[in-house]
C-alpha cells in the first residue's frame, strides 16, 4: 500500500516556500472571467505569491501585468473596476490599461526620466471560454497544452462553455493546507459516509463512479441515480487540473463551477468558486444547485479541517492511500513530490 506525502509537508513553511517557487510560479492559474471586463477596466488576482492585474482596453485585447507599481512597489490595483487607467494610491503614478506609464507627477523635474521603460511588467494571460488564466512564470507553456484534454471532455458531455453566463462567486478561508483541500476534492471514497445528499444524487459505488487521469488532469465521472427527460447534461464531471484547480459539473441543466485552492499559510487555504449557468436556466434550479453545493461544501470544510488537526499533531509521520478508490490522490501526490524533489 502506498504511503501519503510526509505529514510534515502539510505544516512546514519551507515546504510552502518551495511549492510557491516550483509549483505555483510556473503554473497557469484560473484568476477570473471575461465578464469582469465587459467594459474597459481591470481586476486584481494572485498567481502563487505574485499579485497580478488583468486588463482589457477599448481595443478588447486581454492583457496581464504584475500588480506592482514600478516606482516604490505599492500593490497597484484592488478588486475590479471599469475605468481607463490604473493609478497608484501612493504617489499617483498612472498607467494605461496597456501597461504603459502615462503620468508620473514631477517626472519633468528628473533629467532623462525613462518613462518608456517604466511600464508595468507583463505576464501571460489566456482564456478557455470566458475563463481567464494567468501565468507569472518565465517562458510559460501554451495554455492549451496546460489544459490538455479538459476542454474536449467537457465538450463531449454536451456543455458549451462559450454559452455560459457568470452567476456568482463564493469565497472562504479554510483552516487546512492546500494539499489536504485538493486531496479531499480528488476522492469520493468519503462520499457515502460524509455526503448523504450527494450520494443520493450521484451513484458513488466503485463500479459506477469512474476515475481517470490524463497528464496533469484528474477526472471523476459520476452518473446520476435518476435522469429527468429535460436533463441536458446526462452525468457529472469533476475535474482537477494540477496543481490546484477544481471544476464541478452536475447533471441536469448547463452549469459549471470553477476555482482554485490557494495557499495562504502552511495551514490555511483561500478558496473561491465562480458559478456559471446556461442563459436559459431557471432561477429555481440555480437556487437548488447552489444550496446543494453549499451543503456539500460545509461538510467538506469540517473534513479537511479535521485532517489538518490530525496531521499537525505530529503523532504520525504519514498515512496510506487506497490504490483504487484514492488513485487520483496518488496521482496528485506523485506530481507534487516530483516538483518538490527534482
Protein backbone atom coordinates (compact mmCIF):
# COMPACT_ATOMS: atom_id res chain seq x y z
CA UNK A 1 0.00 0.00 0.00
CA UNK A 2 1.36 3.42 -0.94
CA UNK A 3 2.19 5.99 1.70
CA UNK A 4 0.95 9.57 1.64
CA UNK A 5 3.27 12.51 1.46
CA UNK A 6 5.06 13.11 4.77
CA UNK A 7 2.70 14.80 7.17
CA UNK A 8 5.35 17.42 7.87
CA UNK A 9 4.78 18.70 4.33
CA UNK A 10 1.34 19.93 5.41
CA UNK A 11 2.66 22.25 8.13
CA UNK A 12 6.20 23.27 7.15
CA UNK A 13 6.72 26.89 5.98
CA UNK A 14 9.81 25.86 3.99
CA UNK A 15 7.77 23.32 2.02
CA UNK A 16 5.24 26.04 1.18
CA UNK A 17 8.05 28.35 0.06
CA UNK A 18 9.31 25.64 -2.30
CA UNK A 19 5.77 24.95 -3.54
CA UNK A 20 5.28 28.62 -4.37
CA UNK A 21 8.53 28.70 -6.33
CA UNK A 22 8.48 25.30 -8.03
CA UNK A 23 4.76 24.56 -8.40
CA UNK A 24 2.69 27.74 -8.45
CA UNK A 25 5.03 30.22 -10.11
CA UNK A 26 5.31 28.27 -13.41
CA UNK A 27 1.66 27.10 -13.43
CA UNK A 28 -1.33 28.54 -15.25
CA UNK A 29 -3.87 29.72 -12.67
CA UNK A 30 -7.57 30.46 -13.05
CA UNK A 31 -7.99 34.09 -11.96
CA UNK A 32 -11.45 35.20 -13.12
CA UNK A 33 -13.72 35.57 -16.13
CA UNK A 34 -14.17 37.89 -19.08
CA UNK A 35 -17.49 39.13 -17.71
CA UNK A 36 -15.45 41.11 -15.20
CA UNK A 37 -14.05 43.04 -18.18
CA UNK A 38 -17.20 43.67 -20.20
CA UNK A 39 -16.19 47.35 -20.18
CA UNK A 40 -12.64 48.71 -20.32
CA UNK A 41 -11.15 48.11 -16.91
CA UNK A 42 -9.29 45.61 -14.75
CA UNK A 43 -9.48 43.04 -12.00
CA UNK A 44 -6.80 42.05 -9.50
CA UNK A 45 -5.85 38.49 -8.56
CA UNK A 46 -2.89 36.46 -7.36
CA UNK A 47 -0.80 33.81 -9.10
CA UNK A 48 1.14 32.00 -6.41
CA UNK A 49 2.74 34.80 -4.41
CA UNK A 50 2.61 37.20 -7.36
CA UNK A 51 -0.09 39.88 -7.32
CA UNK A 52 -1.41 40.33 -10.86
CA UNK A 53 -3.86 42.59 -12.63
CA UNK A 54 -5.78 41.60 -15.76
CA UNK A 55 -6.93 44.40 -18.05
CA UNK A 56 -8.98 44.94 -21.20
CA UNK A 57 -8.80 48.26 -23.02
CA UNK A 58 -11.07 49.66 -25.72
CA UNK A 59 -9.07 47.58 -28.21
CA UNK A 60 -10.63 44.50 -26.44
CA UNK A 61 -7.18 42.90 -26.04
CA UNK A 62 -6.80 40.92 -22.81
CA UNK A 63 -3.56 41.73 -21.01
CA UNK A 64 -1.94 40.78 -17.72
CA UNK A 65 0.67 42.52 -15.59
CA UNK A 66 2.44 42.19 -12.27
CA UNK A 67 0.25 44.27 -9.96
CA UNK A 68 3.13 46.30 -8.53
CA UNK A 69 3.87 49.96 -9.21
CA UNK A 70 7.27 50.48 -10.83
CA UNK A 71 8.00 53.44 -8.55
CA UNK A 72 8.21 52.08 -5.00
CA UNK A 73 6.49 48.69 -5.18
CA UNK A 74 2.98 49.57 -3.97
CA UNK A 75 0.33 46.96 -4.82
CA UNK A 76 -1.38 48.93 -7.54
CA UNK A 77 -4.95 47.68 -8.04
CA UNK A 78 -7.58 46.10 -5.79
CA UNK A 79 -10.79 44.29 -6.67
CA UNK A 80 -12.24 45.10 -10.07
CA UNK A 81 -13.14 48.37 -11.71
CA UNK A 82 -14.38 49.77 -15.02
CA UNK A 83 -12.01 52.64 -15.85
CA UNK A 84 -9.44 53.59 -18.47
CA UNK A 85 -6.34 53.80 -16.27
CA UNK A 86 -4.70 52.32 -13.19
CA UNK A 87 -3.45 54.84 -10.66
CA UNK A 88 -1.17 54.04 -7.75
CA UNK A 89 -2.70 55.28 -4.46
CA UNK A 90 0.77 56.05 -3.07
CA UNK A 91 2.17 58.71 -5.42
CA UNK A 92 -0.42 58.76 -8.23
CA UNK A 93 1.73 57.18 -10.91
CA UNK A 94 -0.81 56.43 -13.63
CA UNK A 95 -0.73 53.58 -16.15
CA UNK A 96 -2.84 52.83 -19.20
CA UNK A 97 -4.68 49.52 -19.44
CA UNK A 98 -1.96 48.56 -21.93
CA UNK A 99 0.57 48.81 -19.09
CA UNK A 100 2.36 51.92 -20.31
CA UNK A 101 3.25 54.61 -17.80
CA UNK A 102 1.06 57.60 -18.64
CA UNK A 103 1.95 60.05 -15.88
CA UNK A 104 4.43 60.28 -13.02
CA UNK A 105 3.96 63.51 -11.03
CA UNK A 106 7.07 65.71 -11.01
CA UNK A 107 8.83 63.46 -13.52
CA UNK A 108 9.54 66.56 -15.57
CA UNK A 109 11.91 67.62 -12.78
CA UNK A 110 14.00 64.48 -13.31
CA UNK A 111 16.67 64.68 -16.03
CA UNK A 112 16.22 61.98 -18.68
CA UNK A 113 13.29 60.38 -16.87
CA UNK A 114 12.91 56.91 -18.56
CA UNK A 115 9.11 56.94 -18.82
CA UNK A 116 9.02 54.43 -21.69
CA UNK A 117 10.97 51.92 -19.59
CA UNK A 118 8.75 52.06 -16.52
CA UNK A 119 5.59 50.38 -17.72
CA UNK A 120 4.01 47.52 -15.79
CA UNK A 121 5.75 44.16 -16.08
CA UNK A 122 3.69 41.92 -18.41
CA UNK A 123 2.64 38.33 -17.67
CA UNK A 124 0.96 35.70 -19.86
CA UNK A 125 -2.84 35.52 -19.93
CA UNK A 126 -5.23 33.33 -21.90
CA UNK A 127 -8.82 32.14 -22.00
CA UNK A 128 -10.87 28.98 -22.33
CA UNK A 129 -14.41 30.11 -23.00
CA UNK A 130 -14.93 33.03 -20.64
CA UNK A 131 -12.50 31.58 -18.07
CA UNK A 132 -9.35 33.70 -17.67
CA UNK A 133 -6.00 32.15 -16.77
CA UNK A 134 -2.70 33.85 -15.93
CA UNK A 135 0.89 32.65 -15.66
CA UNK A 136 3.56 34.75 -13.96
CA UNK A 137 6.46 32.39 -14.66
CA UNK A 138 9.20 32.69 -17.27
CA UNK A 139 8.56 31.09 -20.68
CA UNK A 140 5.15 29.56 -19.87
CA UNK A 141 3.84 26.72 -21.98
CA UNK A 142 0.77 27.48 -24.11
CA UNK A 143 -2.45 27.45 -22.12
CA UNK A 144 -3.91 24.83 -24.49
CA UNK A 145 -1.08 22.47 -23.52
CA UNK A 146 -1.72 23.05 -19.83
CA UNK A 147 -5.46 22.38 -20.20
CA UNK A 148 -4.82 19.13 -22.03
CA UNK A 149 -7.96 17.11 -22.69
CA UNK A 150 -10.11 19.15 -20.31
CA UNK A 151 -11.95 21.21 -22.99
CA UNK A 152 -12.61 18.08 -25.08
CA UNK A 153 -14.00 16.14 -22.11
CA UNK A 154 -16.34 18.99 -21.19
CA UNK A 155 -17.48 19.37 -24.80
CA UNK A 156 -18.09 15.61 -25.06
CA UNK A 157 -20.51 15.93 -22.15
CA UNK A 158 -22.53 18.35 -24.28
CA UNK A 159 -21.65 21.54 -22.39
CA UNK A 160 -20.82 24.61 -24.49
CA UNK A 161 -18.59 26.72 -22.25
CA UNK A 162 -18.86 29.71 -24.58
CA UNK A 163 -22.58 29.97 -23.84
CA UNK A 164 -22.23 30.03 -20.05
CA UNK A 165 -23.01 33.18 -18.06
CA UNK A 166 -21.37 34.05 -14.75
CA UNK A 167 -23.82 33.99 -11.86
CA UNK A 168 -21.95 34.43 -8.56
CA UNK A 169 -18.69 33.90 -6.67
CA UNK A 170 -18.33 32.03 -3.39
CA UNK A 171 -15.29 32.73 -1.20
CA UNK A 172 -13.96 31.19 2.00
CA UNK A 173 -10.85 30.56 4.07
CA UNK A 174 -10.31 27.03 5.32
CA UNK A 175 -8.07 26.01 8.23
CA UNK A 176 -6.24 23.35 6.24
CA UNK A 177 -3.23 23.01 3.96
CA UNK A 178 -4.00 23.46 0.26
CA UNK A 179 -2.90 19.88 -0.46
CA UNK A 180 -5.38 18.47 2.05
CA UNK A 181 -8.17 20.50 0.44
CA UNK A 182 -7.08 19.29 -3.01
CA UNK A 183 -6.87 15.66 -1.91
CA UNK A 184 -10.35 15.79 -0.44
CA UNK A 185 -11.64 17.05 -3.80
CA UNK A 186 -9.86 14.18 -5.56
CA UNK A 187 -11.72 11.28 -3.95
CA UNK A 188 -15.29 10.23 -3.34
CA UNK A 189 -14.32 7.34 -1.07
CA UNK A 190 -15.72 9.54 1.72
CA UNK A 191 -18.95 10.46 -0.05
CA UNK A 192 -21.21 7.69 1.26
CA UNK A 193 -20.09 8.50 4.81
CA UNK A 194 -19.89 12.29 4.73
CA UNK A 195 -22.14 13.47 1.87
CA UNK A 196 -25.56 11.76 2.11
CA UNK A 197 -27.34 14.23 -0.20
CA UNK A 198 -24.58 13.95 -2.81
CA UNK A 199 -24.72 10.15 -2.62
CA UNK A 200 -28.50 10.26 -3.09
CA UNK A 201 -28.00 12.26 -6.31
CA UNK A 202 -24.88 10.58 -7.74
CA UNK A 203 -24.12 6.86 -7.85
CA UNK A 204 -20.81 6.75 -5.95
CA UNK A 205 -20.43 2.96 -5.96
CA UNK A 206 -16.97 1.84 -7.16
CA UNK A 207 -18.29 0.27 -10.37
CA UNK A 208 -20.30 3.34 -11.38
CA UNK A 209 -18.16 6.25 -10.19
CA UNK A 210 -15.23 6.24 -12.61
CA UNK A 211 -11.79 7.81 -12.15
CA UNK A 212 -9.26 8.73 -14.82
CA UNK A 213 -6.04 10.68 -15.28
CA UNK A 214 -4.54 12.32 -18.34
CA UNK A 215 -1.29 14.19 -17.82
CA UNK A 216 -1.93 16.76 -15.09
CA UNK A 217 -5.70 16.30 -15.35
CA UNK A 218 -7.66 14.09 -12.97
CA UNK A 219 -11.35 13.40 -13.61
CA UNK A 220 -14.23 11.83 -11.70
CA UNK A 221 -17.26 10.71 -13.75
CA UNK A 222 -20.44 10.26 -11.74
CA UNK A 223 -23.76 9.07 -13.19
CA UNK A 224 -26.96 10.39 -11.61
CA UNK A 225 -29.22 7.88 -9.90
CA UNK A 226 -32.16 9.21 -11.94
CA UNK A 227 -32.28 11.16 -15.22
CA UNK A 228 -35.11 13.59 -15.98
CA UNK A 229 -36.35 13.91 -19.59
CA UNK A 230 -35.39 17.60 -19.55
CA UNK A 231 -31.79 17.00 -18.41
CA UNK A 232 -29.31 18.39 -20.93
CA UNK A 233 -26.24 17.05 -19.13
CA UNK A 234 -26.54 13.28 -18.63
CA UNK A 235 -23.90 12.89 -15.89
CA UNK A 236 -21.49 14.77 -13.67
CA UNK A 237 -17.83 15.55 -14.27
CA UNK A 238 -15.45 16.71 -11.57
CA UNK A 239 -12.06 17.79 -12.91
CA UNK A 240 -8.88 18.71 -11.11
CA UNK A 241 -6.08 20.35 -13.07
CA UNK A 242 -2.83 20.06 -11.16
CA UNK A 243 -1.69 21.81 -9.15
CA UNK A 244 -4.82 23.40 -7.65
CA UNK A 245 -7.84 23.95 -9.92
CA UNK A 246 -11.19 22.32 -9.27
CA UNK A 247 -14.09 22.20 -11.75
CA UNK A 248 -17.58 20.87 -11.00
CA UNK A 249 -20.30 20.00 -13.49
CA UNK A 250 -23.51 18.48 -12.14
CA UNK A 251 -26.12 16.59 -14.18
CA UNK A 252 -29.18 18.47 -15.36
CA UNK A 253 -29.10 21.90 -16.98
CA UNK A 254 -25.95 23.67 -18.24
CA UNK A 255 -23.78 24.51 -15.23
CA UNK A 256 -20.14 24.71 -14.23
CA UNK A 257 -18.29 25.99 -11.20
CA UNK A 258 -14.56 26.64 -11.26
CA UNK A 259 -11.99 27.86 -8.76
CA UNK A 260 -8.54 27.30 -7.28
CA UNK A 261 -7.23 26.18 -3.88
CA UNK A 262 -4.78 28.95 -2.91
CA UNK A 263 -2.34 28.56 0.00
CA UNK A 264 -2.28 31.46 2.46
CA UNK A 265 -0.10 29.79 5.09
CA UNK A 266 1.00 26.17 5.57
CA UNK A 267 -2.24 25.54 7.46
CA UNK A 268 -4.69 27.89 5.79
CA UNK A 269 -6.21 27.94 2.28
CA UNK A 270 -8.26 30.53 0.42
CA UNK A 271 -10.92 29.21 -1.92
CA UNK A 272 -13.13 30.93 -4.42
CA UNK A 273 -15.60 29.30 -6.76
CA UNK A 274 -17.21 31.03 -9.75
CA UNK A 275 -20.63 29.65 -10.71
CA UNK A 276 -21.74 29.68 -14.35
CA UNK A 277 -25.06 28.63 -15.86
CA UNK A 278 -26.65 28.47 -19.28
CA UNK A 279 -28.53 31.66 -20.21
CA UNK A 280 -31.94 29.95 -20.06
CA UNK A 281 -31.56 28.01 -16.81
CA UNK A 282 -34.43 28.78 -14.44
CA UNK A 283 -33.72 30.60 -11.19
CA UNK A 284 -35.33 27.89 -9.08
CA UNK A 285 -32.97 25.24 -10.43
CA UNK A 286 -29.96 27.53 -9.86
CA UNK A 287 -31.05 28.12 -6.26
CA UNK A 288 -31.38 24.39 -5.65
CA UNK A 289 -27.94 23.62 -7.11
CA UNK A 290 -26.18 26.32 -5.08
CA UNK A 291 -27.94 25.23 -1.87
CA UNK A 292 -26.94 21.63 -2.58
CA UNK A 293 -23.35 22.63 -3.34
CA UNK A 294 -23.15 24.80 -0.22
CA UNK A 295 -24.20 21.88 1.96
CA UNK A 296 -21.56 19.61 0.42
CA UNK A 297 -19.01 22.41 0.87
CA UNK A 298 -19.78 22.78 4.57
CA UNK A 299 -19.37 19.05 5.02
CA UNK A 300 -16.01 19.16 3.23
CA UNK A 301 -14.72 22.04 5.36
CA UNK A 302 -15.32 20.00 8.50
CA UNK A 303 -13.48 17.06 6.95
CA UNK A 304 -10.36 18.88 5.77
CA UNK A 305 -10.01 20.88 8.98
CA UNK A 306 -10.22 17.63 10.92
CA UNK A 307 -7.46 16.13 8.77
CA UNK A 308 -5.29 19.22 9.31
CA UNK A 309 -5.60 18.91 13.08
CA UNK A 310 -4.59 15.26 12.84
CA UNK A 311 -1.54 15.67 10.60
CA UNK A 312 -0.38 18.75 12.54
CA UNK A 313 -0.36 16.82 15.81
CA UNK A 314 2.94 15.17 14.95
CA UNK A 315 1.64 11.82 16.20
CA UNK A 316 2.17 10.09 12.83
CA UNK A 317 4.71 10.54 10.05
CA UNK A 318 2.37 9.69 7.16
CA UNK A 319 -0.85 7.96 6.15
CA UNK A 320 -1.74 5.49 3.37
CA UNK A 321 -3.58 5.76 0.07
CA UNK A 322 -6.19 3.26 -1.14
CA UNK A 323 -4.87 2.32 -4.58
CA UNK A 324 -8.25 2.04 -6.32
CA UNK A 325 -10.59 4.43 -4.52
CA UNK A 326 -7.92 7.09 -3.99
CA UNK A 327 -5.89 6.69 -7.16
CA UNK A 328 -6.31 10.37 -8.03
CA UNK A 329 -4.70 11.32 -4.72
CA UNK A 330 -1.78 9.07 -5.63
CA UNK A 331 -1.50 10.87 -8.97
CA UNK A 332 -1.64 14.29 -7.27
CA UNK A 333 0.96 13.36 -4.70
CA UNK A 334 3.32 11.92 -7.33
CA UNK A 335 3.17 15.15 -9.35
CA UNK A 336 3.67 17.24 -6.22
CA UNK A 337 6.58 15.18 -4.90
CA UNK A 338 8.29 15.23 -8.29
CA UNK A 339 8.02 19.02 -8.46
CA UNK A 340 9.47 19.47 -4.98
CA UNK A 341 12.27 16.94 -5.17
CA UNK A 342 13.52 17.16 -8.76
